[in-house]
C-alpha cells in the first residue's frame, strides 16, 4: 500500500530522484547502502549506510525503492557476458519473427550449454542445484552491422551478446524475500558488474577483499571470472600484528594511522616494508594467472578494485597498465557529483564499487523486442 502511494506521489509532484538500495556481500558481513540518484541533475546522494552481520538483519524500508541491487560475492553468484554466433541457412532471405524466435532459442541453449557446468563448478554446486536468476540480450548484430531488432533484415550470421546471472539453489529463498520490495530488483555478482562498468580498456580486473582476491578477464567476446587467490587485506593486518607483537585490532589502528601519516618515520618504514612484501606476494599470484592466459604476450592492462581497508599500493602501480579503479573521476567526466554527510565516503577506495553498482545500466530498452522473445523462452528456467 505504502509503495503505491510513494509511486503516485512521485508522479504527481514530478519527483525525479530514484531511491536505490544496494545490498553488497563482503567476505564476513553485508553492507546496505541507501542512495538517491537524479539523472537529470546528475547528482548521487548517499542517504544512509548500514553494516550488517547477515542478510536477515536487513529490515524492509517504509519508503518505496525504485531499484534494489542484490550484489552477491563470487561464491554465491556468477554474472557473465558472452557472444554467441548463429549461422543462418538462408542469408538472402529477410528474418521473420518465427525465425528470429528460433535463433534466440538456439543462442540461449548454446550459451547455457557453454557456461552452465562452468558456473556450477565455480560456485561448488551441482548442475541440478544451479538456478538462472536472470538472463538478457545486451547486443545484436547481423554480420558487422549492429541492429537493435534483427526482424526484417538479411544476413548470414546473427550475433547475440548474452548476460546472465547464475546462483546456487540455496539463494532462491533470499531472492524471493527481497524481490517484492521493489519493481526493479536485480541480482548480480558484485565483482562482475564492477568489472563491466570500467570505461577504460582493461584486460584483467583484480578485486581485493578482506580474505580473498578475485580476478576477472575481459576479452572481445567474453567477460567473466577467471580465478580466486586466497590473499586479502587481512594478510597485511596479520603481518603487521606479527611484526609488532600486537593483536589484529591494534594492527588495524596502526595501519589507519600509517595511512593518515600519524606514525613515526621508523614505524612508517617498517609498515611500508611489510605492505610492499605482502603486495609482492599478490602480484606473483597474479603473474601466474595472466601469464597462462592465451593471447597475452606482454603484461596486460589491469585495474585494482580494493574492497578492504589497506594502504593503497600506488608505489606498485608504476605504469599505465596497472591502475586503481576511480569511478568518482569517471562519473565526474559525465557531469555527476556526489554528496554525503561523510565527505570522504565516495573518495575512499573501498566504496568505489558502490558507484558502479548504483549507476550500472542493468537493462537496455533498445533490445526490448529480442528480450521479449528470450523472456518467453526462459520463463520456466529462471528461478
Protein backbone atom coordinates (compact mmCIF):
# COMPACT_ATOMS: atom_id res chain seq x y z
CA UNK A 1 0.00 0.00 0.00
CA UNK A 2 2.71 2.49 1.01
CA UNK A 3 4.75 1.65 -2.10
CA UNK A 4 1.88 2.58 -4.42
CA UNK A 5 1.31 5.84 -2.56
CA UNK A 6 5.00 6.76 -2.96
CA UNK A 7 4.83 6.00 -6.69
CA UNK A 8 1.70 8.09 -7.18
CA UNK A 9 3.18 10.98 -5.18
CA UNK A 10 6.36 10.93 -7.29
CA UNK A 11 4.31 11.21 -10.47
CA UNK A 12 2.06 13.98 -9.14
CA UNK A 13 4.94 16.13 -7.86
CA UNK A 14 7.31 15.19 -10.72
CA UNK A 15 9.97 13.89 -8.33
CA UNK A 16 12.91 12.70 -10.38
CA UNK A 17 15.03 11.26 -7.59
CA UNK A 18 15.37 7.49 -7.70
CA UNK A 19 15.68 5.88 -4.28
CA UNK A 20 18.04 2.91 -4.57
CA UNK A 21 19.32 0.22 -2.24
CA UNK A 22 22.49 -1.76 -2.87
CA UNK A 23 22.92 -4.76 -0.59
CA UNK A 24 26.53 -5.84 -1.07
CA UNK A 25 28.05 -9.05 0.25
CA UNK A 26 31.58 -8.89 1.68
CA UNK A 27 33.71 -11.78 2.95
CA UNK A 28 32.35 -11.72 6.51
CA UNK A 29 29.46 -9.22 6.52
CA UNK A 30 26.98 -7.38 4.29
CA UNK A 31 26.53 -3.65 3.72
CA UNK A 32 23.32 -1.86 2.81
CA UNK A 33 23.74 1.46 1.02
CA UNK A 34 20.71 3.68 0.50
CA UNK A 35 21.20 6.40 -2.10
CA UNK A 36 19.26 8.86 -4.24
CA UNK A 37 20.12 9.18 -7.93
CA UNK A 38 18.91 12.07 -10.07
CA UNK A 39 19.96 11.52 -13.67
CA UNK A 40 18.56 14.91 -14.68
CA UNK A 41 20.62 16.99 -12.26
CA UNK A 42 23.33 14.27 -12.36
CA UNK A 43 23.56 14.07 -8.61
CA UNK A 44 24.11 10.99 -6.42
CA UNK A 45 23.41 11.37 -2.70
CA UNK A 46 24.36 8.85 -0.05
CA UNK A 47 21.36 8.70 2.28
CA UNK A 48 22.40 6.01 4.73
CA UNK A 49 24.77 3.07 5.08
CA UNK A 50 24.43 0.05 7.36
CA UNK A 51 26.93 -2.67 8.15
CA UNK A 52 25.10 -5.90 8.99
CA UNK A 53 26.18 -9.32 10.17
CA UNK A 54 23.93 -11.13 7.69
CA UNK A 55 21.09 -10.66 5.20
CA UNK A 56 18.34 -11.46 7.71
CA UNK A 57 19.29 -8.36 9.74
CA UNK A 58 18.01 -6.06 6.95
CA UNK A 59 14.51 -4.68 7.55
CA UNK A 60 12.18 -3.59 4.76
CA UNK A 61 12.23 0.22 4.40
CA UNK A 62 8.96 2.16 4.53
CA UNK A 63 10.00 4.29 1.55
CA UNK A 64 9.44 2.96 -1.96
CA UNK A 65 12.56 1.54 -3.60
CA UNK A 66 12.97 2.43 -7.26
CA UNK A 67 15.76 -0.13 -7.53
CA UNK A 68 17.17 -2.87 -5.32
CA UNK A 69 20.52 -4.37 -6.31
CA UNK A 70 21.46 -7.58 -4.51
CA UNK A 71 25.22 -7.76 -5.17
CA UNK A 72 26.49 -11.20 -4.15
CA UNK A 73 30.11 -12.36 -3.94
CA UNK A 74 31.57 -14.84 -6.48
CA UNK A 75 30.82 -17.80 -4.20
CA UNK A 76 27.07 -17.08 -4.32
CA UNK A 77 26.51 -15.65 -7.81
CA UNK A 78 28.05 -15.75 -11.28
CA UNK A 79 27.38 -12.93 -13.73
CA UNK A 80 28.99 -13.21 -17.15
CA UNK A 81 28.74 -11.85 -20.68
CA UNK A 82 29.44 -13.82 -23.82
CA UNK A 83 28.81 -13.61 -27.55
CA UNK A 84 27.01 -16.40 -29.44
CA UNK A 85 27.27 -16.53 -33.26
CA UNK A 86 24.48 -18.21 -35.20
CA UNK A 87 24.67 -19.14 -38.89
CA UNK A 88 21.51 -18.63 -40.98
CA UNK A 89 20.70 -21.32 -43.58
CA UNK A 90 19.20 -18.74 -45.98
CA UNK A 91 21.13 -15.47 -45.57
CA UNK A 92 19.46 -13.76 -48.56
CA UNK A 93 16.00 -14.00 -47.02
CA UNK A 94 14.75 -11.44 -44.53
CA UNK A 95 14.39 -12.59 -40.94
CA UNK A 96 10.81 -13.34 -39.96
CA UNK A 97 9.54 -13.28 -36.37
CA UNK A 98 9.35 -17.07 -36.37
CA UNK A 99 12.96 -17.43 -37.49
CA UNK A 100 14.15 -14.78 -35.02
CA UNK A 101 12.38 -16.61 -32.20
CA UNK A 102 14.14 -19.83 -33.25
CA UNK A 103 17.53 -18.08 -33.46
CA UNK A 104 17.11 -16.61 -29.97
CA UNK A 105 16.21 -20.09 -28.70
CA UNK A 106 19.31 -21.61 -30.38
CA UNK A 107 21.51 -18.86 -28.94
CA UNK A 108 20.07 -19.39 -25.46
CA UNK A 109 20.84 -23.11 -25.43
CA UNK A 110 24.31 -22.65 -26.90
CA UNK A 111 25.02 -20.11 -24.14
CA UNK A 112 23.64 -22.36 -21.39
CA UNK A 113 25.47 -25.44 -22.69
CA UNK A 114 28.71 -23.45 -22.74
CA UNK A 115 28.52 -21.98 -19.21
CA UNK A 116 26.12 -23.92 -17.01
CA UNK A 117 28.62 -26.57 -15.89
CA UNK A 118 31.39 -23.97 -15.67
CA UNK A 119 29.28 -21.79 -13.34
CA UNK A 120 28.33 -24.74 -11.13
CA UNK A 121 31.99 -25.75 -10.72
CA UNK A 122 32.99 -22.17 -9.95
CA UNK A 123 30.47 -21.94 -7.10
CA UNK A 124 30.96 -25.52 -5.92
CA UNK A 125 27.43 -26.79 -6.57
CA UNK A 126 25.98 -29.47 -8.82
CA UNK A 127 24.29 -28.63 -12.13
CA UNK A 128 20.97 -29.59 -10.56
CA UNK A 129 21.49 -27.01 -7.79
CA UNK A 130 22.22 -24.18 -10.21
CA UNK A 131 19.49 -21.60 -10.87
CA UNK A 132 19.37 -19.00 -13.62
CA UNK A 133 18.48 -15.82 -11.74
CA UNK A 134 18.47 -13.53 -14.79
CA UNK A 135 19.39 -13.50 -18.47
CA UNK A 136 19.09 -10.88 -21.21
CA UNK A 137 20.43 -9.97 -24.64
CA UNK A 138 22.71 -6.93 -24.43
CA UNK A 139 23.73 -6.57 -28.06
CA UNK A 140 22.80 -7.90 -31.51
CA UNK A 141 24.44 -7.72 -34.93
CA UNK A 142 23.98 -9.10 -38.43
CA UNK A 143 27.42 -9.61 -39.90
CA UNK A 144 29.35 -6.49 -38.99
CA UNK A 145 26.26 -4.29 -38.60
CA UNK A 146 24.76 -3.67 -35.18
CA UNK A 147 20.94 -3.87 -35.11
CA UNK A 148 18.51 -3.27 -32.27
CA UNK A 149 15.86 -5.51 -33.83
CA UNK A 150 17.03 -8.04 -36.49
CA UNK A 151 13.45 -8.54 -37.70
CA UNK A 152 13.14 -7.75 -41.43
CA UNK A 153 16.90 -7.65 -42.11
CA UNK A 154 19.10 -10.01 -44.12
CA UNK A 155 22.47 -11.51 -43.21
CA UNK A 156 24.44 -14.70 -42.98
CA UNK A 157 25.29 -14.61 -39.29
CA UNK A 158 23.37 -13.28 -36.29
CA UNK A 159 25.49 -12.36 -33.26
CA UNK A 160 23.86 -12.11 -29.85
CA UNK A 161 25.58 -11.00 -26.67
CA UNK A 162 24.02 -12.60 -23.59
CA UNK A 163 24.42 -11.53 -19.99
CA UNK A 164 23.32 -13.98 -17.32
CA UNK A 165 23.46 -14.42 -13.57
CA UNK A 166 23.50 -17.90 -12.04
CA UNK A 167 23.06 -18.59 -8.32
CA UNK A 168 23.04 -21.73 -6.16
CA UNK A 169 19.53 -23.01 -5.43
CA UNK A 170 20.10 -22.17 -1.77
CA UNK A 171 19.93 -18.44 -2.62
CA UNK A 172 16.41 -18.58 -4.10
CA UNK A 173 14.66 -18.08 -0.75
CA UNK A 174 16.68 -14.88 -0.15
CA UNK A 175 15.86 -13.64 -3.65
CA UNK A 176 12.16 -14.41 -3.15
CA UNK A 177 12.21 -12.43 0.11
CA UNK A 178 13.68 -9.27 -1.42
CA UNK A 179 12.01 -9.31 -4.86
CA UNK A 180 8.67 -7.81 -3.66
CA UNK A 181 10.45 -4.81 -2.13
CA UNK A 182 10.72 -3.04 -5.50
CA UNK A 183 9.55 -3.14 -9.10
CA UNK A 184 13.15 -3.23 -10.30
CA UNK A 185 15.03 -5.98 -8.48
CA UNK A 186 18.45 -7.07 -9.77
CA UNK A 187 20.63 -9.99 -8.67
CA UNK A 188 24.27 -9.75 -9.74
CA UNK A 189 27.77 -10.91 -8.92
CA UNK A 190 29.28 -7.75 -7.41
CA UNK A 191 32.78 -8.07 -8.84
CA UNK A 192 31.50 -8.83 -12.32
CA UNK A 193 29.32 -5.71 -12.52
CA UNK A 194 32.16 -3.53 -11.27
CA UNK A 195 34.42 -5.07 -13.93
CA UNK A 196 31.82 -4.47 -16.66
CA UNK A 197 31.39 -0.84 -15.56
CA UNK A 198 35.02 0.22 -16.05
CA UNK A 199 35.02 2.68 -19.00
CA UNK A 200 38.68 2.15 -19.89
CA UNK A 201 40.43 -0.76 -21.64
CA UNK A 202 41.20 -3.43 -19.07
CA UNK A 203 42.28 -7.00 -19.74
CA UNK A 204 42.01 -8.01 -16.10
CA UNK A 205 40.26 -6.57 -13.03
CA UNK A 206 41.54 -7.52 -9.57
CA UNK A 207 39.01 -7.32 -6.73
CA UNK A 208 40.85 -7.26 -3.41
CA UNK A 209 38.67 -8.04 -0.36
CA UNK A 210 39.36 -8.95 3.27
CA UNK A 211 40.26 -12.62 2.88
CA UNK A 212 40.40 -13.31 -0.87
CA UNK A 213 41.10 -11.68 -4.21
CA UNK A 214 39.02 -12.34 -7.32
CA UNK A 215 40.31 -11.89 -10.86
CA UNK A 216 38.06 -11.15 -13.85
CA UNK A 217 39.05 -11.09 -17.52
CA UNK A 218 37.71 -9.02 -20.40
CA UNK A 219 38.05 -10.35 -23.93
CA UNK A 220 36.32 -9.20 -27.12
CA UNK A 221 33.69 -11.98 -26.94
CA UNK A 222 33.68 -12.85 -23.26
CA UNK A 223 33.79 -11.22 -19.83
CA UNK A 224 33.88 -13.49 -16.83
CA UNK A 225 35.54 -14.68 -13.64
CA UNK A 226 38.98 -16.28 -14.03
CA UNK A 227 40.29 -17.32 -10.64
CA UNK A 228 40.40 -16.57 -6.93
CA UNK A 229 43.55 -16.00 -4.87
CA UNK A 230 43.43 -16.73 -1.14
CA UNK A 231 45.07 -13.43 -0.32
CA UNK A 232 43.31 -10.39 1.11
CA UNK A 233 43.65 -7.27 3.21
CA UNK A 234 43.77 -9.40 6.35
CA UNK A 235 47.17 -10.71 5.21
CA UNK A 236 48.57 -7.22 5.73
CA UNK A 237 46.87 -6.86 9.11
CA UNK A 238 48.28 -10.20 10.28
CA UNK A 239 51.78 -9.31 9.04
CA UNK A 240 51.71 -6.01 10.98
CA UNK A 241 50.31 -7.72 14.09
CA UNK A 242 53.12 -10.31 14.00
CA UNK A 243 55.83 -7.72 13.40
CA UNK A 244 54.81 -5.51 16.33
CA UNK A 245 53.60 -8.39 18.56
CA UNK A 246 50.12 -6.89 18.94
CA UNK A 247 46.61 -8.19 18.31
CA UNK A 248 44.84 -7.56 14.98
CA UNK A 249 42.67 -4.78 16.42
CA UNK A 250 45.78 -2.78 17.36
CA UNK A 251 47.31 -3.63 13.96
CA UNK A 252 44.25 -2.09 12.27
CA UNK A 253 44.76 1.10 14.28
CA UNK A 254 48.46 1.21 13.32
CA UNK A 255 47.56 0.83 9.64
CA UNK A 256 44.95 3.62 9.86
CA UNK A 257 47.48 5.93 11.50
CA UNK A 258 50.06 4.97 8.86
CA UNK A 259 47.60 5.86 6.07
CA UNK A 260 46.88 9.21 7.75
CA UNK A 261 50.60 9.92 8.29
CA UNK A 262 50.32 9.68 12.06
CA UNK A 263 53.21 7.32 12.83
CA UNK A 264 56.92 7.97 13.35
CA UNK A 265 59.30 7.72 10.41
CA UNK A 266 60.80 4.48 11.76
CA UNK A 267 57.41 2.79 12.29
CA UNK A 268 56.30 4.06 8.88
CA UNK A 269 59.30 2.42 7.18
CA UNK A 270 58.59 -0.90 8.92
CA UNK A 271 54.91 -0.87 7.93
CA UNK A 272 55.77 0.21 4.40
CA UNK A 273 58.20 -2.67 4.05
CA UNK A 274 55.61 -5.19 5.24
CA UNK A 275 52.92 -3.78 2.94
CA UNK A 276 55.28 -3.95 -0.03
CA UNK A 277 56.21 -7.52 0.78
CA UNK A 278 52.58 -8.63 1.06
CA UNK A 279 51.59 -6.97 -2.21
CA UNK A 280 54.54 -8.59 -3.98
CA UNK A 281 53.10 -11.96 -2.92
CA UNK A 282 49.78 -10.95 -4.52
CA UNK A 283 51.46 -9.75 -7.72
CA UNK A 284 53.31 -13.05 -8.01
CA UNK A 285 49.97 -14.86 -7.76
CA UNK A 286 48.56 -12.60 -10.48
CA UNK A 287 51.62 -13.25 -12.68
CA UNK A 288 50.83 -16.95 -12.57
CA UNK A 289 47.28 -16.20 -13.76
CA UNK A 290 47.74 -13.82 -16.65
CA UNK A 291 50.94 -15.42 -17.93
CA UNK A 292 48.95 -18.59 -18.62
CA UNK A 293 46.11 -16.83 -20.49
CA UNK A 294 46.16 -17.31 -24.24
CA UNK A 295 46.65 -14.21 -26.35
CA UNK A 296 48.59 -12.15 -23.80
CA UNK A 297 52.22 -11.74 -24.77
CA UNK A 298 53.00 -8.66 -22.68
CA UNK A 299 51.82 -7.50 -19.28
CA UNK A 300 48.09 -6.75 -19.65
CA UNK A 301 46.12 -3.69 -18.62
CA UNK A 302 44.94 -4.35 -15.07
CA UNK A 303 42.62 -2.43 -12.72
CA UNK A 304 42.59 -2.91 -8.94
CA UNK A 305 39.32 -2.60 -7.02
CA UNK A 306 40.24 -2.51 -3.33
CA UNK A 307 37.35 -3.52 -1.06
CA UNK A 308 39.39 -3.73 2.15
CA UNK A 309 40.91 -1.04 4.39
CA UNK A 310 44.53 -1.46 3.37
CA UNK A 311 47.19 1.06 2.31
CA UNK A 312 46.91 1.97 -1.36
CA UNK A 313 49.59 0.28 -3.46
CA UNK A 314 50.37 3.36 -5.58
CA UNK A 315 54.06 2.54 -5.48
CA UNK A 316 53.32 -0.80 -7.13
CA UNK A 317 51.22 0.80 -9.85
CA UNK A 318 54.21 2.16 -11.72
CA UNK A 319 52.86 2.06 -15.29
CA UNK A 320 49.65 2.88 -17.12
CA UNK A 321 48.94 -0.84 -17.27
CA UNK A 322 48.28 -1.10 -13.50
CA UNK A 323 45.62 1.27 -12.15
CA UNK A 324 43.20 1.73 -9.27
CA UNK A 325 39.52 1.95 -10.23
CA UNK A 326 38.28 5.53 -9.98
CA UNK A 327 34.54 5.66 -10.55
CA UNK A 328 34.34 9.09 -8.89
CA UNK A 329 36.51 10.63 -11.63
CA UNK A 330 34.94 8.55 -14.42
CA UNK A 331 31.43 9.64 -13.41
CA UNK A 332 32.63 13.20 -12.85
CA UNK A 333 33.64 13.40 -16.52
CA UNK A 334 29.97 12.82 -17.36
CA UNK A 335 28.94 15.64 -15.05
CA UNK A 336 27.89 13.62 -11.98
CA UNK A 337 28.51 14.94 -8.47
CA UNK A 338 28.38 13.08 -5.14
CA UNK A 339 27.16 14.24 -1.77
CA UNK A 340 27.28 12.58 1.62
CA UNK A 341 27.36 13.52 5.28
CA UNK A 342 30.61 11.60 5.37
CA UNK A 343 32.67 13.73 2.98
CA UNK A 344 35.26 11.01 2.48
CA UNK A 345 32.79 8.22 1.70
CA UNK A 346 32.87 8.23 -2.09
CA UNK A 347 36.56 9.13 -2.27
CA UNK A 348 37.78 6.05 -0.38
CA UNK A 349 38.82 3.08 -2.48
CA UNK A 350 36.70 0.61 -0.52
CA UNK A 351 33.47 2.34 -1.61
CA UNK A 352 34.31 2.93 -5.28
CA UNK A 353 32.37 -0.17 -6.29
CA UNK A 354 29.15 1.29 -4.83
CA UNK A 355 29.14 3.94 -7.57
CA UNK A 356 29.42 1.25 -10.25
CA UNK A 357 26.63 -0.82 -8.67
CA UNK A 358 24.38 2.25 -8.39
CA UNK A 359 24.95 3.57 -11.91
CA UNK A 360 25.30 0.42 -13.98
CA UNK A 361 22.69 0.12 -16.78
CA UNK A 362 21.07 -3.17 -15.79
CA UNK A 363 18.66 -3.15 -18.72
CA UNK A 364 18.65 -1.71 -22.24
CA UNK A 365 15.33 -0.70 -23.81
CA UNK A 366 16.85 -0.83 -27.31
CA UNK A 367 16.70 -4.63 -27.26
CA UNK A 368 13.18 -4.86 -25.86
CA UNK A 369 11.83 -6.97 -28.74
CA UNK A 370 14.52 -9.68 -28.76
CA UNK A 371 14.40 -9.81 -24.96
CA UNK A 372 10.65 -10.28 -25.14
CA UNK A 373 11.29 -13.39 -27.26
CA UNK A 374 14.01 -14.52 -24.86
CA UNK A 375 11.80 -14.00 -21.82
CA UNK A 376 9.18 -16.24 -23.36
CA UNK A 377 11.77 -18.99 -23.77
CA UNK A 378 13.33 -18.79 -20.32
CA UNK A 379 10.24 -18.32 -18.19
CA UNK A 380 10.42 -21.91 -16.95
CA UNK A 381 14.21 -21.70 -16.44
CA UNK A 382 14.55 -18.55 -14.36
CA UNK A 383 14.27 -19.06 -10.59
